[in-house]
Amino acid sequence: MDCSEFLSRFSEFYDAPQEAPVRKEAEAHLAACGKCARYQEVVTRSVALLHVMPRPELAESFRPRLQHRLFHLDEGGSAARPGKASAIPAATVLGMAILLTAVAWSPMIGGGVPEVDLPAIIVSGPPMLEPLVGPDVPGLTPVSSGLFPGGLWSDTEDLLFEYSPMSERNRGQQDRGERVLRRTGLD
C-alpha cells in the first residue's frame, strides 16, 4: 500500500475491525511511513476531542428540514444535477455577449455614412472695415479701418507695462491726484 491508496481508503481502515485485511495492510504502511502515521494520529486526536465536547443544541426544525433536503437529494432535485444548474448562467452570459456584439456592430451593418455635399467657401481676402467717421466731418480725425493698425503684436511693451508691477507705482500717483496716461494698445 502506498500513501495515496492509504489516504483514499483511510475511512475503511479507520472503521474496520481489528482482524480486517485492509486494517492489517494500513498498519503495515503506518509502520513504514511517518507522514501517514502523523495523519492517523491527528485524526484520532480530533475524534477524541469531538467526543469530549458538549453536544450542540439544535433548533426543533433542524431534523425535519434536514430530512426534507435529503428527500429532495434522493429524488434527484436540482442540487443533484450540477451540470444543468451551471449551464443556465453560462448560456445567459453567452446570450448577453451576443446581444452586446450585435448592438455594437449595428451602425456598421446599416446603409453606411451619409454623404453630404457642402458648397466650397472661397475667401479672397479679409473684409475691409468702414471708417466710423468720414473725412468730410470737420474737427474729427478719421478712425483707422482696422482694429490693430500696427499689427496684433505692435504694442507688447505697453501691454506688459500695464499688467506688471510698474503699473502699481503709477496707480499710486493717480491716487495722489496726478494724471497718469496709460495706453491700452487699441486706437
N, C-alpha and C. Protein backbone atom coordinates (compact mmCIF):
# COMPACT_ATOMS: atom_id res chain seq x y z
N MET A 1 0.86 -1.17 0.00
CA MET A 1 0.00 0.00 0.00
C MET A 1 0.90 1.23 0.00
N ASP A 2 0.58 2.21 -0.87
CA ASP A 2 1.33 3.46 -0.90
C ASP A 2 0.50 4.57 -0.23
N CYS A 3 1.06 5.78 -0.15
CA CYS A 3 0.42 6.88 0.60
C CYS A 3 -0.91 7.29 -0.02
N SER A 4 -1.00 7.41 -1.35
CA SER A 4 -2.25 7.84 -1.97
C SER A 4 -3.36 6.82 -1.74
N GLU A 5 -3.03 5.53 -1.82
CA GLU A 5 -4.03 4.50 -1.56
C GLU A 5 -4.44 4.53 -0.09
N PHE A 6 -3.48 4.77 0.81
CA PHE A 6 -3.80 4.85 2.23
C PHE A 6 -4.79 5.98 2.50
N LEU A 7 -4.53 7.16 1.91
CA LEU A 7 -5.41 8.30 2.14
C LEU A 7 -6.79 8.08 1.51
N SER A 8 -6.84 7.46 0.35
CA SER A 8 -8.14 7.23 -0.29
C SER A 8 -8.96 6.18 0.45
N ARG A 9 -8.31 5.22 1.12
CA ARG A 9 -9.03 4.16 1.83
C ARG A 9 -8.95 4.34 3.35
N PHE A 10 -8.64 5.55 3.81
CA PHE A 10 -8.46 5.78 5.25
C PHE A 10 -9.73 5.50 6.04
N SER A 11 -10.88 5.90 5.51
CA SER A 11 -12.15 5.66 6.23
C SER A 11 -12.40 4.18 6.41
N GLU A 12 -12.10 3.39 5.38
CA GLU A 12 -12.26 1.93 5.50
C GLU A 12 -11.35 1.39 6.60
N PHE A 13 -10.09 1.84 6.60
CA PHE A 13 -9.13 1.39 7.61
C PHE A 13 -9.56 1.81 9.01
N TYR A 14 -9.99 3.06 9.17
CA TYR A 14 -10.30 3.58 10.49
C TYR A 14 -11.53 2.91 11.09
N ASP A 15 -12.51 2.59 10.26
CA ASP A 15 -13.76 1.98 10.75
C ASP A 15 -13.73 0.45 10.73
N ALA A 16 -12.69 -0.14 10.18
CA ALA A 16 -12.65 -1.61 10.04
C ALA A 16 -12.32 -2.27 11.38
N PRO A 17 -12.82 -3.48 11.60
CA PRO A 17 -12.46 -4.22 12.83
C PRO A 17 -10.98 -4.61 12.80
N GLN A 18 -10.46 -5.04 13.96
CA GLN A 18 -9.04 -5.35 14.12
C GLN A 18 -8.57 -6.46 13.17
N GLU A 19 -9.41 -7.44 12.90
CA GLU A 19 -8.97 -8.57 12.09
C GLU A 19 -9.20 -8.38 10.59
N ALA A 20 -9.67 -7.22 10.12
CA ALA A 20 -9.93 -6.98 8.69
C ALA A 20 -8.61 -6.88 7.93
N PRO A 21 -8.56 -7.41 6.69
CA PRO A 21 -7.31 -7.36 5.91
C PRO A 21 -6.88 -5.93 5.56
N VAL A 22 -7.85 -5.02 5.32
CA VAL A 22 -7.48 -3.65 4.98
C VAL A 22 -6.80 -2.96 6.16
N ARG A 23 -7.21 -3.32 7.36
CA ARG A 23 -6.60 -2.73 8.55
C ARG A 23 -5.16 -3.22 8.71
N LYS A 24 -4.93 -4.49 8.42
CA LYS A 24 -3.57 -5.03 8.54
C LYS A 24 -2.64 -4.39 7.51
N GLU A 25 -3.13 -4.17 6.28
CA GLU A 25 -2.32 -3.51 5.25
C GLU A 25 -1.99 -2.07 5.66
N ALA A 26 -2.99 -1.36 6.18
CA ALA A 26 -2.79 0.03 6.58
C ALA A 26 -1.82 0.14 7.76
N GLU A 27 -1.92 -0.79 8.72
CA GLU A 27 -0.99 -0.74 9.86
C GLU A 27 0.43 -1.03 9.42
N ALA A 28 0.60 -1.91 8.43
CA ALA A 28 1.94 -2.18 7.90
C ALA A 28 2.49 -0.91 7.23
N HIS A 29 1.66 -0.21 6.51
CA HIS A 29 2.10 1.03 5.86
C HIS A 29 2.42 2.11 6.91
N LEU A 30 1.60 2.19 7.98
CA LEU A 30 1.85 3.18 9.04
C LEU A 30 3.19 2.96 9.72
N ALA A 31 3.59 1.70 9.84
CA ALA A 31 4.88 1.40 10.47
C ALA A 31 6.04 1.90 9.62
N ALA A 32 5.85 1.96 8.28
CA ALA A 32 6.93 2.35 7.38
C ALA A 32 6.90 3.84 7.02
N CYS A 33 5.73 4.49 7.09
CA CYS A 33 5.58 5.88 6.61
C CYS A 33 5.25 6.80 7.79
N GLY A 34 6.11 7.77 8.04
CA GLY A 34 5.90 8.71 9.14
C GLY A 34 4.80 9.73 8.85
N LYS A 35 4.67 10.17 7.59
CA LYS A 35 3.64 11.16 7.24
C LYS A 35 2.24 10.59 7.44
N CYS A 36 2.03 9.38 6.99
CA CYS A 36 0.71 8.76 7.14
C CYS A 36 0.42 8.45 8.61
N ALA A 37 1.46 8.09 9.38
CA ALA A 37 1.28 7.84 10.80
C ALA A 37 0.86 9.14 11.51
N ARG A 38 1.46 10.25 11.10
CA ARG A 38 1.09 11.55 11.67
C ARG A 38 -0.36 11.89 11.31
N TYR A 39 -0.78 11.62 10.09
CA TYR A 39 -2.15 11.87 9.65
C TYR A 39 -3.14 11.06 10.50
N GLN A 40 -2.83 9.80 10.71
CA GLN A 40 -3.70 8.93 11.51
C GLN A 40 -3.77 9.42 12.95
N GLU A 41 -2.66 9.90 13.50
CA GLU A 41 -2.63 10.41 14.86
C GLU A 41 -3.48 11.69 14.99
N VAL A 42 -3.42 12.57 14.00
CA VAL A 42 -4.21 13.81 14.02
C VAL A 42 -5.69 13.49 13.96
N VAL A 43 -6.08 12.54 13.12
CA VAL A 43 -7.50 12.17 13.01
C VAL A 43 -7.97 11.55 14.31
N THR A 44 -7.17 10.69 14.92
CA THR A 44 -7.55 10.03 16.17
C THR A 44 -7.74 11.06 17.29
N ARG A 45 -6.82 12.02 17.40
CA ARG A 45 -6.94 13.06 18.43
C ARG A 45 -8.15 13.96 18.17
N SER A 46 -8.43 14.26 16.91
CA SER A 46 -9.59 15.10 16.58
C SER A 46 -10.89 14.41 16.95
N VAL A 47 -10.98 13.10 16.71
CA VAL A 47 -12.18 12.34 17.07
C VAL A 47 -12.35 12.33 18.58
N ALA A 48 -11.24 12.15 19.31
CA ALA A 48 -11.31 12.15 20.77
C ALA A 48 -11.77 13.51 21.29
N LEU A 49 -11.31 14.59 20.66
CA LEU A 49 -11.71 15.93 21.06
C LEU A 49 -13.20 16.15 20.79
N LEU A 50 -13.71 15.65 19.69
CA LEU A 50 -15.14 15.78 19.39
C LEU A 50 -16.00 15.02 20.39
N HIS A 51 -15.52 13.88 20.87
CA HIS A 51 -16.29 13.11 21.85
C HIS A 51 -16.34 13.83 23.20
N VAL A 52 -15.32 14.59 23.53
CA VAL A 52 -15.27 15.29 24.81
C VAL A 52 -16.14 16.56 24.79
N MET A 53 -16.27 17.20 23.64
CA MET A 53 -17.03 18.45 23.53
C MET A 53 -18.51 18.21 23.80
N PRO A 54 -19.22 19.23 24.33
CA PRO A 54 -20.67 19.08 24.56
C PRO A 54 -21.41 19.05 23.22
N ARG A 55 -22.54 18.40 23.24
CA ARG A 55 -23.34 18.29 22.01
C ARG A 55 -23.94 19.66 21.67
N PRO A 56 -23.98 20.01 20.41
CA PRO A 56 -24.57 21.30 20.04
C PRO A 56 -26.08 21.26 20.19
N GLU A 57 -26.65 22.40 20.55
CA GLU A 57 -28.10 22.48 20.69
C GLU A 57 -28.68 22.89 19.33
N LEU A 58 -29.57 22.06 18.81
CA LEU A 58 -30.17 22.31 17.51
C LEU A 58 -31.59 22.81 17.67
N ALA A 59 -32.05 23.56 16.71
CA ALA A 59 -33.43 24.03 16.73
C ALA A 59 -34.36 22.86 16.48
N GLU A 60 -35.62 23.02 16.90
CA GLU A 60 -36.59 21.93 16.73
C GLU A 60 -36.86 21.64 15.26
N SER A 61 -36.69 22.64 14.41
CA SER A 61 -36.99 22.46 12.99
C SER A 61 -35.81 21.89 12.21
N PHE A 62 -34.68 21.64 12.88
CA PHE A 62 -33.49 21.18 12.16
C PHE A 62 -33.70 19.81 11.52
N ARG A 63 -34.17 18.84 12.29
CA ARG A 63 -34.31 17.48 11.76
C ARG A 63 -35.33 17.41 10.62
N PRO A 64 -36.53 18.04 10.73
CA PRO A 64 -37.45 17.99 9.58
C PRO A 64 -36.89 18.66 8.33
N ARG A 65 -36.20 19.79 8.51
CA ARG A 65 -35.60 20.45 7.34
C ARG A 65 -34.52 19.59 6.72
N LEU A 66 -33.70 18.92 7.54
CA LEU A 66 -32.66 18.04 7.03
C LEU A 66 -33.28 16.87 6.27
N GLN A 67 -34.31 16.26 6.82
CA GLN A 67 -34.96 15.14 6.14
C GLN A 67 -35.59 15.59 4.83
N HIS A 68 -36.18 16.78 4.82
CA HIS A 68 -36.77 17.30 3.59
C HIS A 68 -35.69 17.51 2.52
N ARG A 69 -34.57 18.06 2.93
CA ARG A 69 -33.46 18.29 1.99
C ARG A 69 -32.91 16.98 1.47
N LEU A 70 -32.73 15.99 2.36
CA LEU A 70 -32.24 14.68 1.93
C LEU A 70 -33.23 14.00 0.99
N PHE A 71 -34.52 14.20 1.24
CA PHE A 71 -35.53 13.63 0.36
C PHE A 71 -35.38 14.19 -1.05
N HIS A 72 -35.18 15.49 -1.16
CA HIS A 72 -35.02 16.10 -2.49
C HIS A 72 -33.72 15.66 -3.15
N LEU A 73 -32.68 15.45 -2.38
CA LEU A 73 -31.43 14.96 -2.96
C LEU A 73 -31.59 13.54 -3.48
N ASP A 74 -32.27 12.70 -2.70
CA ASP A 74 -32.51 11.32 -3.14
C ASP A 74 -33.43 11.28 -4.35
N GLU A 75 -34.38 12.19 -4.41
CA GLU A 75 -35.34 12.23 -5.51
C GLU A 75 -34.69 12.70 -6.81
N GLY A 76 -33.55 13.36 -6.71
CA GLY A 76 -32.87 13.86 -7.92
C GLY A 76 -33.23 15.30 -8.20
N GLY A 77 -33.25 16.11 -7.18
CA GLY A 77 -33.58 17.52 -7.32
C GLY A 77 -32.49 18.28 -8.05
N SER A 78 -32.66 19.59 -8.09
CA SER A 78 -31.73 20.42 -8.84
C SER A 78 -30.33 20.42 -8.24
N ALA A 79 -30.21 20.19 -6.94
CA ALA A 79 -28.88 20.18 -6.33
C ALA A 79 -28.10 18.94 -6.74
N ALA A 80 -28.80 17.86 -7.12
CA ALA A 80 -28.11 16.64 -7.52
C ALA A 80 -27.63 16.71 -8.96
N ARG A 81 -28.09 17.70 -9.72
CA ARG A 81 -27.69 17.84 -11.12
C ARG A 81 -26.90 19.13 -11.30
N PRO A 82 -25.62 19.13 -10.96
CA PRO A 82 -24.87 20.37 -11.07
C PRO A 82 -24.63 20.79 -12.52
N GLY A 83 -24.68 19.87 -13.46
CA GLY A 83 -24.44 20.22 -14.85
C GLY A 83 -25.49 21.15 -15.40
N LYS A 84 -26.75 20.89 -15.10
CA LYS A 84 -27.83 21.73 -15.60
C LYS A 84 -27.84 23.08 -14.90
N ALA A 85 -27.56 23.09 -13.62
CA ALA A 85 -27.57 24.35 -12.88
C ALA A 85 -26.46 25.28 -13.35
N SER A 86 -25.31 24.74 -13.73
CA SER A 86 -24.22 25.60 -14.15
C SER A 86 -24.34 26.00 -15.61
N ALA A 87 -25.16 25.32 -16.40
CA ALA A 87 -25.32 25.67 -17.81
C ALA A 87 -26.20 26.89 -18.00
N ILE A 88 -27.12 27.13 -17.09
CA ILE A 88 -28.04 28.26 -17.24
C ILE A 88 -27.30 29.60 -17.15
N PRO A 89 -26.46 29.84 -16.14
CA PRO A 89 -25.74 31.12 -16.12
C PRO A 89 -24.78 31.26 -17.30
N ALA A 90 -24.16 30.18 -17.71
CA ALA A 90 -23.24 30.26 -18.84
C ALA A 90 -23.99 30.63 -20.12
N ALA A 91 -25.16 30.05 -20.32
CA ALA A 91 -25.95 30.38 -21.51
C ALA A 91 -26.43 31.83 -21.45
N THR A 92 -26.76 32.30 -20.27
CA THR A 92 -27.19 33.69 -20.11
C THR A 92 -26.06 34.65 -20.46
N VAL A 93 -24.87 34.37 -19.99
CA VAL A 93 -23.71 35.22 -20.28
C VAL A 93 -23.41 35.20 -21.77
N LEU A 94 -23.47 34.04 -22.39
CA LEU A 94 -23.22 33.93 -23.82
C LEU A 94 -24.27 34.73 -24.60
N GLY A 95 -25.53 34.62 -24.21
CA GLY A 95 -26.59 35.37 -24.89
C GLY A 95 -26.40 36.87 -24.76
N MET A 96 -25.99 37.32 -23.58
CA MET A 96 -25.75 38.75 -23.38
C MET A 96 -24.57 39.22 -24.22
N ALA A 97 -23.53 38.41 -24.33
CA ALA A 97 -22.37 38.77 -25.14
C ALA A 97 -22.75 38.90 -26.61
N ILE A 98 -23.57 37.98 -27.09
CA ILE A 98 -24.02 38.05 -28.49
C ILE A 98 -24.87 39.30 -28.71
N LEU A 99 -25.75 39.60 -27.77
CA LEU A 99 -26.60 40.78 -27.88
C LEU A 99 -25.78 42.07 -27.88
N LEU A 100 -24.80 42.17 -27.00
CA LEU A 100 -23.95 43.37 -26.96
C LEU A 100 -23.12 43.51 -28.23
N THR A 101 -22.65 42.40 -28.77
CA THR A 101 -21.90 42.44 -30.02
C THR A 101 -22.79 42.94 -31.16
N ALA A 102 -24.02 42.45 -31.21
CA ALA A 102 -24.95 42.89 -32.26
C ALA A 102 -25.26 44.37 -32.13
N VAL A 103 -25.45 44.86 -30.92
CA VAL A 103 -25.74 46.28 -30.73
C VAL A 103 -24.53 47.13 -31.11
N ALA A 104 -23.34 46.67 -30.77
CA ALA A 104 -22.13 47.44 -31.08
C ALA A 104 -21.88 47.51 -32.58
N TRP A 105 -22.17 46.46 -33.31
CA TRP A 105 -21.91 46.42 -34.75
C TRP A 105 -23.10 46.90 -35.58
N SER A 106 -24.23 47.21 -34.97
CA SER A 106 -25.42 47.59 -35.73
C SER A 106 -25.22 48.85 -36.58
N PRO A 107 -24.47 49.88 -36.17
CA PRO A 107 -24.27 51.02 -37.06
C PRO A 107 -23.49 50.65 -38.32
N MET A 108 -22.60 49.68 -38.24
CA MET A 108 -21.81 49.27 -39.40
C MET A 108 -22.64 48.46 -40.39
N ILE A 109 -23.66 47.79 -39.90
CA ILE A 109 -24.46 46.92 -40.76
C ILE A 109 -25.40 47.75 -41.64
N GLY A 110 -25.81 48.92 -41.18
CA GLY A 110 -26.77 49.76 -41.89
C GLY A 110 -26.23 50.26 -43.21
N GLY A 111 -26.87 51.31 -43.75
CA GLY A 111 -26.55 51.84 -45.07
C GLY A 111 -25.20 52.53 -45.14
N GLY A 112 -24.54 52.73 -44.09
CA GLY A 112 -23.25 53.39 -44.11
C GLY A 112 -23.37 54.84 -43.68
N VAL A 113 -22.34 55.60 -43.92
CA VAL A 113 -22.29 57.00 -43.53
C VAL A 113 -22.90 57.84 -44.65
N PRO A 114 -23.86 58.71 -44.35
CA PRO A 114 -24.44 59.54 -45.41
C PRO A 114 -23.42 60.57 -45.90
N GLU A 115 -23.42 60.80 -47.20
CA GLU A 115 -22.51 61.78 -47.78
C GLU A 115 -23.25 63.09 -47.95
N VAL A 116 -22.62 64.16 -47.54
CA VAL A 116 -23.22 65.49 -47.62
C VAL A 116 -22.30 66.35 -48.47
N ASP A 117 -22.85 66.98 -49.51
CA ASP A 117 -22.08 67.88 -50.36
C ASP A 117 -22.32 69.31 -49.90
N LEU A 118 -21.28 69.95 -49.41
CA LEU A 118 -21.36 71.34 -48.98
C LEU A 118 -20.70 72.21 -50.04
N PRO A 119 -21.22 73.41 -50.25
CA PRO A 119 -20.58 74.29 -51.24
C PRO A 119 -19.22 74.75 -50.70
N ALA A 120 -18.30 74.98 -51.62
CA ALA A 120 -16.97 75.41 -51.24
C ALA A 120 -17.01 76.86 -50.78
N ILE A 121 -16.20 77.19 -49.79
CA ILE A 121 -16.10 78.55 -49.28
C ILE A 121 -14.85 79.17 -49.88
N ILE A 122 -15.01 80.28 -50.60
CA ILE A 122 -13.88 80.93 -51.26
C ILE A 122 -13.67 82.27 -50.59
N VAL A 123 -12.44 82.51 -50.14
CA VAL A 123 -12.09 83.76 -49.48
C VAL A 123 -10.99 84.41 -50.29
N SER A 124 -11.22 85.66 -50.71
CA SER A 124 -10.20 86.35 -51.49
C SER A 124 -9.30 87.20 -50.60
N GLY A 125 -9.80 87.64 -49.47
CA GLY A 125 -9.01 88.47 -48.57
C GLY A 125 -9.86 88.86 -47.38
N PRO A 126 -9.25 89.46 -46.34
CA PRO A 126 -10.05 89.84 -45.18
C PRO A 126 -10.97 91.00 -45.53
N PRO A 127 -12.11 91.08 -44.89
CA PRO A 127 -13.03 92.19 -45.20
C PRO A 127 -12.46 93.51 -44.70
N MET A 128 -12.69 94.55 -45.45
CA MET A 128 -12.22 95.87 -45.06
C MET A 128 -13.28 96.52 -44.19
N LEU A 129 -12.84 97.08 -43.07
CA LEU A 129 -13.77 97.76 -42.17
C LEU A 129 -13.97 99.19 -42.64
N GLU A 130 -15.18 99.64 -42.60
CA GLU A 130 -15.51 101.01 -43.00
C GLU A 130 -15.17 101.94 -41.84
N PRO A 131 -14.62 103.10 -42.10
CA PRO A 131 -14.37 104.06 -41.02
C PRO A 131 -15.68 104.55 -40.42
N LEU A 132 -15.65 104.76 -39.10
CA LEU A 132 -16.85 105.20 -38.42
C LEU A 132 -17.17 106.67 -38.72
N VAL A 133 -16.14 107.47 -38.86
CA VAL A 133 -16.32 108.89 -39.15
C VAL A 133 -15.61 109.17 -40.48
N GLY A 134 -16.29 109.79 -41.37
CA GLY A 134 -15.72 110.08 -42.68
C GLY A 134 -14.78 111.28 -42.64
N PRO A 135 -13.99 111.48 -43.69
CA PRO A 135 -13.04 112.60 -43.72
C PRO A 135 -13.73 113.96 -43.94
N ASP A 136 -14.99 113.97 -44.32
CA ASP A 136 -15.67 115.23 -44.59
C ASP A 136 -16.23 115.92 -43.35
N VAL A 137 -16.18 115.26 -42.17
CA VAL A 137 -16.67 115.87 -40.94
C VAL A 137 -15.55 116.73 -40.38
N PRO A 138 -15.79 118.07 -40.18
CA PRO A 138 -14.71 118.94 -39.68
C PRO A 138 -14.46 118.73 -38.18
N GLY A 139 -13.21 118.81 -37.81
CA GLY A 139 -12.83 118.76 -36.41
C GLY A 139 -12.57 117.36 -35.89
N LEU A 140 -12.92 116.36 -36.59
CA LEU A 140 -12.69 114.99 -36.13
C LEU A 140 -11.70 114.31 -37.06
N THR A 141 -10.91 113.50 -36.49
CA THR A 141 -9.96 112.74 -37.31
C THR A 141 -10.59 111.40 -37.63
N PRO A 142 -10.36 110.88 -38.78
CA PRO A 142 -10.96 109.60 -39.13
C PRO A 142 -10.36 108.46 -38.31
N VAL A 143 -11.19 107.49 -38.05
CA VAL A 143 -10.77 106.30 -37.32
C VAL A 143 -10.14 105.34 -38.30
N SER A 144 -9.11 104.65 -37.86
CA SER A 144 -8.45 103.71 -38.78
C SER A 144 -9.40 102.59 -39.15
N SER A 145 -9.16 101.98 -40.28
CA SER A 145 -10.07 100.96 -40.78
C SER A 145 -9.84 99.60 -40.13
N GLY A 146 -8.79 99.41 -39.40
CA GLY A 146 -8.53 98.12 -38.76
C GLY A 146 -8.50 98.24 -37.25
N LEU A 147 -8.69 97.14 -36.58
CA LEU A 147 -8.65 97.17 -35.11
C LEU A 147 -7.23 97.35 -34.60
N PHE A 148 -6.27 96.74 -35.27
CA PHE A 148 -4.87 96.83 -34.85
C PHE A 148 -4.07 97.37 -36.03
N PRO A 149 -3.96 98.67 -36.16
CA PRO A 149 -3.31 99.22 -37.35
C PRO A 149 -1.83 98.89 -37.43
N GLY A 150 -1.16 98.79 -36.31
CA GLY A 150 0.26 98.47 -36.34
C GLY A 150 0.52 96.97 -36.31
N GLY A 151 -0.50 96.18 -36.29
CA GLY A 151 -0.36 94.74 -36.18
C GLY A 151 -0.78 94.29 -34.80
N LEU A 152 -1.02 93.03 -34.67
CA LEU A 152 -1.54 92.50 -33.40
C LEU A 152 -0.53 92.63 -32.27
N TRP A 153 0.77 92.48 -32.56
CA TRP A 153 1.79 92.50 -31.51
C TRP A 153 2.62 93.79 -31.53
N SER A 154 2.07 94.87 -32.03
CA SER A 154 2.84 96.11 -32.15
C SER A 154 3.04 96.81 -30.81
N ASP A 155 2.18 96.58 -29.85
CA ASP A 155 2.26 97.31 -28.59
C ASP A 155 2.48 96.39 -27.40
N THR A 156 3.34 95.40 -27.54
CA THR A 156 3.53 94.44 -26.45
C THR A 156 4.17 95.09 -25.23
N GLU A 157 5.06 96.08 -25.46
CA GLU A 157 5.69 96.72 -24.30
C GLU A 157 4.66 97.44 -23.45
N ASP A 158 3.71 98.10 -24.10
CA ASP A 158 2.68 98.82 -23.36
C ASP A 158 1.78 97.86 -22.59
N LEU A 159 1.45 96.74 -23.23
CA LEU A 159 0.59 95.78 -22.55
C LEU A 159 1.32 95.13 -21.37
N LEU A 160 2.61 94.84 -21.55
CA LEU A 160 3.38 94.27 -20.45
C LEU A 160 3.51 95.26 -19.30
N PHE A 161 3.66 96.56 -19.64
CA PHE A 161 3.74 97.57 -18.60
C PHE A 161 2.43 97.66 -17.83
N GLU A 162 1.32 97.57 -18.55
CA GLU A 162 0.01 97.70 -17.93
C GLU A 162 -0.22 96.61 -16.89
N TYR A 163 0.25 95.41 -17.14
CA TYR A 163 -0.02 94.29 -16.24
C TYR A 163 1.22 93.88 -15.45
N SER A 164 2.13 94.80 -15.22
CA SER A 164 3.33 94.50 -14.46
C SER A 164 3.34 95.33 -13.17
N PRO A 165 4.28 95.05 -12.24
CA PRO A 165 4.36 95.84 -11.01
C PRO A 165 4.67 97.32 -11.26
N MET A 166 5.21 97.66 -12.43
CA MET A 166 5.48 99.07 -12.72
C MET A 166 4.19 99.88 -12.75
N SER A 167 3.11 99.24 -13.19
CA SER A 167 1.85 99.97 -13.25
C SER A 167 1.32 100.29 -11.85
N GLU A 168 1.72 99.52 -10.87
CA GLU A 168 1.28 99.78 -9.49
C GLU A 168 1.85 101.10 -8.99
N ARG A 169 3.07 101.46 -9.40
CA ARG A 169 3.65 102.74 -9.00
C ARG A 169 2.82 103.90 -9.55
N ASN A 170 2.39 103.72 -10.80
CA ASN A 170 1.60 104.79 -11.42
C ASN A 170 0.22 104.88 -10.80
N ARG A 171 -0.32 103.80 -10.32
CA ARG A 171 -1.63 103.84 -9.67
C ARG A 171 -1.53 104.71 -8.40
N GLY A 172 -0.40 104.62 -7.71
CA GLY A 172 -0.21 105.46 -6.53
C GLY A 172 -0.16 106.93 -6.88
N GLN A 173 0.44 107.27 -8.02
CA GLN A 173 0.48 108.66 -8.46
C GLN A 173 -0.92 109.15 -8.79
N GLN A 174 -1.74 108.28 -9.33
CA GLN A 174 -3.10 108.66 -9.69
C GLN A 174 -3.92 108.91 -8.43
N ASP A 175 -3.68 108.12 -7.37
CA ASP A 175 -4.42 108.31 -6.13
C ASP A 175 -4.09 109.66 -5.48
N ARG A 176 -2.89 110.19 -5.71
CA ARG A 176 -2.49 111.47 -5.12
C ARG A 176 -3.00 112.64 -5.95
N GLY A 177 -3.70 112.37 -7.02
CA GLY A 177 -4.27 113.46 -7.83
C GLY A 177 -3.49 113.72 -9.09
N GLU A 178 -2.38 113.09 -9.31
CA GLU A 178 -1.62 113.30 -10.53
C GLU A 178 -2.25 112.50 -11.66
N ARG A 179 -2.18 113.06 -12.85
CA ARG A 179 -2.72 112.34 -14.01
C ARG A 179 -1.66 111.41 -14.56
N VAL A 180 -2.07 110.21 -14.84
CA VAL A 180 -1.17 109.24 -15.44
C VAL A 180 -1.80 108.80 -16.75
N LEU A 181 -1.02 108.86 -17.80
CA LEU A 181 -1.52 108.46 -19.11
C LEU A 181 -1.15 107.00 -19.35
N ARG A 182 -2.14 106.23 -19.65
CA ARG A 182 -1.90 104.81 -19.94
C ARG A 182 -2.39 104.53 -21.34
N ARG A 183 -1.62 103.74 -22.05
CA ARG A 183 -2.06 103.30 -23.37
C ARG A 183 -2.57 101.88 -23.24
N THR A 184 -3.69 101.63 -23.87
CA THR A 184 -4.24 100.28 -23.85
C THR A 184 -3.80 99.49 -25.05
N GLY A 185 -3.30 100.15 -26.06
CA GLY A 185 -2.88 99.45 -27.26
C GLY A 185 -3.93 99.44 -28.33
N LEU A 186 -5.12 99.89 -28.01
CA LEU A 186 -6.19 99.95 -29.01
C LEU A 186 -6.45 101.40 -29.36
N ASP A 187 -6.47 101.73 -30.64
CA ASP A 187 -6.73 103.11 -31.06
C ASP A 187 -8.20 103.33 -31.22
